[in-house]
Amino acid sequence: FWGSLQLALDAGVDFPRLLVEAALGRKPEARTSYRSGVRSRWLWGDVDHLLAILRNGGTMRRTHPELPGLASTLGAFLIPWRPGDRFEVLRASDPGPFLRETGAWIRDVLR
């Protein structure tokens, strides 16, 4: 599967279920609709992006002028949630993966 699979699931298309159904010889139910406007956010990726811009955004923007500047990066980061946002890993129904990822992120930062 691909990295943005969670986005498809949050939009209402369960590709893993469709694959299992096909593998079991069942005809998967045709999916003709999905929720548009769903946006996937990866919290620790957002933090990493903000830190990279804070550390060397000027240098990065000289070679990659398409990157957002500090003000827009900070503004996007400080808006914690907008309608349609779903967090990639942070889920109230299952906090374990986020806690594990947080521990790994902290260990990486401390190295």
Protein backbone atom coordinates (compact mmCIF):
# COMPACT_ATOMS: atom_id res chain seq x y z
CA PHE A 1 0.00 0.00 0.00
CA TRP A 2 0.97 3.65 -0.28
CA GLY A 3 1.79 6.32 2.30
CA SER A 4 -1.46 8.22 1.87
CA LEU A 5 -3.65 5.16 2.47
CA GLN A 6 -5.02 6.69 5.69
CA LEU A 7 -6.32 9.63 3.66
CA ALA A 8 -8.32 7.27 1.42
CA LEU A 9 -9.70 5.49 4.49
CA ASP A 10 -10.67 8.80 6.13
CA ALA A 11 -12.39 9.85 2.91
CA GLY A 12 -14.45 6.68 3.00
CA VAL A 13 -12.69 4.28 0.63
CA ASP A 14 -11.36 1.16 2.36
CA PHE A 15 -8.80 -0.19 -0.11
CA PRO A 16 -7.48 -2.92 2.23
CA ARG A 17 -11.01 -4.32 2.64
CA LEU A 18 -11.53 -4.20 -1.12
CA LEU A 19 -8.26 -6.08 -1.62
CA VAL A 20 -9.21 -8.78 0.91
CA GLU A 21 -12.59 -9.22 -0.73
CA ALA A 22 -10.95 -9.59 -4.15
CA ALA A 23 -8.34 -12.02 -2.76
CA LEU A 24 -11.12 -14.15 -1.28
CA GLY A 25 -12.79 -14.33 -4.67
CA ARG A 26 -15.64 -12.03 -3.73
CA LYS A 27 -16.73 -9.23 -5.99
CA PRO A 28 -15.88 -6.03 -4.09
CA GLU A 29 -18.74 -3.61 -3.68
CA ALA A 30 -18.39 -0.77 -6.17
CA ARG A 31 -17.50 2.47 -4.40
CA THR A 32 -18.95 5.45 -6.23
CA SER A 33 -18.67 8.14 -3.58
CA TYR A 34 -16.19 9.47 -1.05
CA ARG A 35 -15.86 12.52 1.17
CA SER A 36 -14.03 15.33 -0.59
CA GLY A 37 -12.22 18.02 1.34
CA VAL A 38 -10.60 15.54 3.71
CA ARG A 39 -7.02 16.49 4.54
CA SER A 40 -4.47 14.26 6.25
CA ARG A 41 -2.07 15.80 8.76
CA TRP A 42 0.97 14.10 10.23
CA LEU A 43 1.68 15.94 13.47
CA TRP A 44 5.35 15.02 13.86
CA GLY A 45 5.94 15.73 10.18
CA ASP A 46 4.44 19.19 10.71
CA VAL A 47 6.77 19.72 13.68
CA ASP A 48 9.78 18.55 11.65
CA HIS A 49 8.85 20.89 8.81
CA LEU A 50 8.49 23.85 11.16
CA LEU A 51 11.85 23.09 12.80
CA ALA A 52 13.56 22.80 9.41
CA ILE A 53 12.18 26.18 8.34
CA LEU A 54 13.21 27.75 11.66
CA ARG A 55 16.73 26.29 11.44
CA ASN A 56 17.59 26.99 7.84
CA GLY A 57 14.55 28.24 5.98
CA GLY A 58 16.46 31.08 4.35
CA THR A 59 19.05 28.73 2.89
CA MET A 60 16.42 26.24 1.80
CA ARG A 61 14.31 28.93 0.12
CA ARG A 62 17.29 30.19 -1.92
CA THR A 63 17.57 26.81 -3.60
CA HIS A 64 13.84 25.96 -3.42
CA PRO A 65 11.85 29.21 -3.74
CA GLU A 66 8.59 27.25 -3.91
CA LEU A 67 8.87 26.42 -0.19
CA PRO A 68 6.69 28.44 2.17
CA GLY A 69 8.29 31.14 4.27
CA LEU A 70 8.48 31.26 8.04
CA ALA A 71 5.26 33.26 8.51
CA SER A 72 3.08 30.93 6.42
CA THR A 73 4.72 27.81 7.89
CA LEU A 74 4.17 29.08 11.43
CA GLY A 75 0.60 30.13 10.64
CA ALA A 76 -0.26 26.72 9.19
CA PHE A 77 1.31 24.99 12.18
CA LEU A 78 -0.50 27.10 14.77
CA ILE A 79 -3.92 26.29 13.33
CA PRO A 80 -4.33 22.94 15.09
CA TRP A 81 -7.37 21.76 13.18
CA ARG A 82 -9.63 22.79 10.32
CA PRO A 83 -12.86 21.19 9.11
CA GLY A 84 -11.95 18.12 7.08
CA ASP A 85 -8.62 17.55 8.84
CA ARG A 86 -7.81 14.07 10.05
CA PHE A 87 -4.60 13.22 11.83
CA GLU A 88 -2.56 10.48 10.19
CA VAL A 89 -1.51 8.76 13.43
CA LEU A 90 -3.15 10.61 16.32
CA ARG A 91 -6.50 8.91 16.96
CA ALA A 92 -8.53 9.22 20.18
CA SER A 93 -9.90 5.72 19.59
CA ASP A 94 -6.38 4.23 19.44
CA PRO A 95 -3.67 6.44 20.99
CA GLY A 96 -1.02 3.68 21.06
CA PRO A 97 0.54 4.31 17.63
CA PHE A 98 0.81 8.04 18.32
CA LEU A 99 2.41 7.44 21.73
CA ARG A 100 4.91 5.02 20.17
CA GLU A 101 5.68 7.46 17.35
CA THR A 102 6.09 10.29 19.87
CA GLY A 103 8.60 8.26 21.86
CA ALA A 104 10.57 7.46 18.70
CA TRP A 105 10.49 11.14 17.63
CA ILE A 106 11.80 12.28 21.03
CA ARG A 107 14.55 9.64 20.97
CA ASP A 108 15.61 10.79 17.49
CA VAL A 109 15.69 14.44 18.58
CA LEU A 110 17.79 13.63 21.65
CA ARG A 111 20.40 11.75 19.57
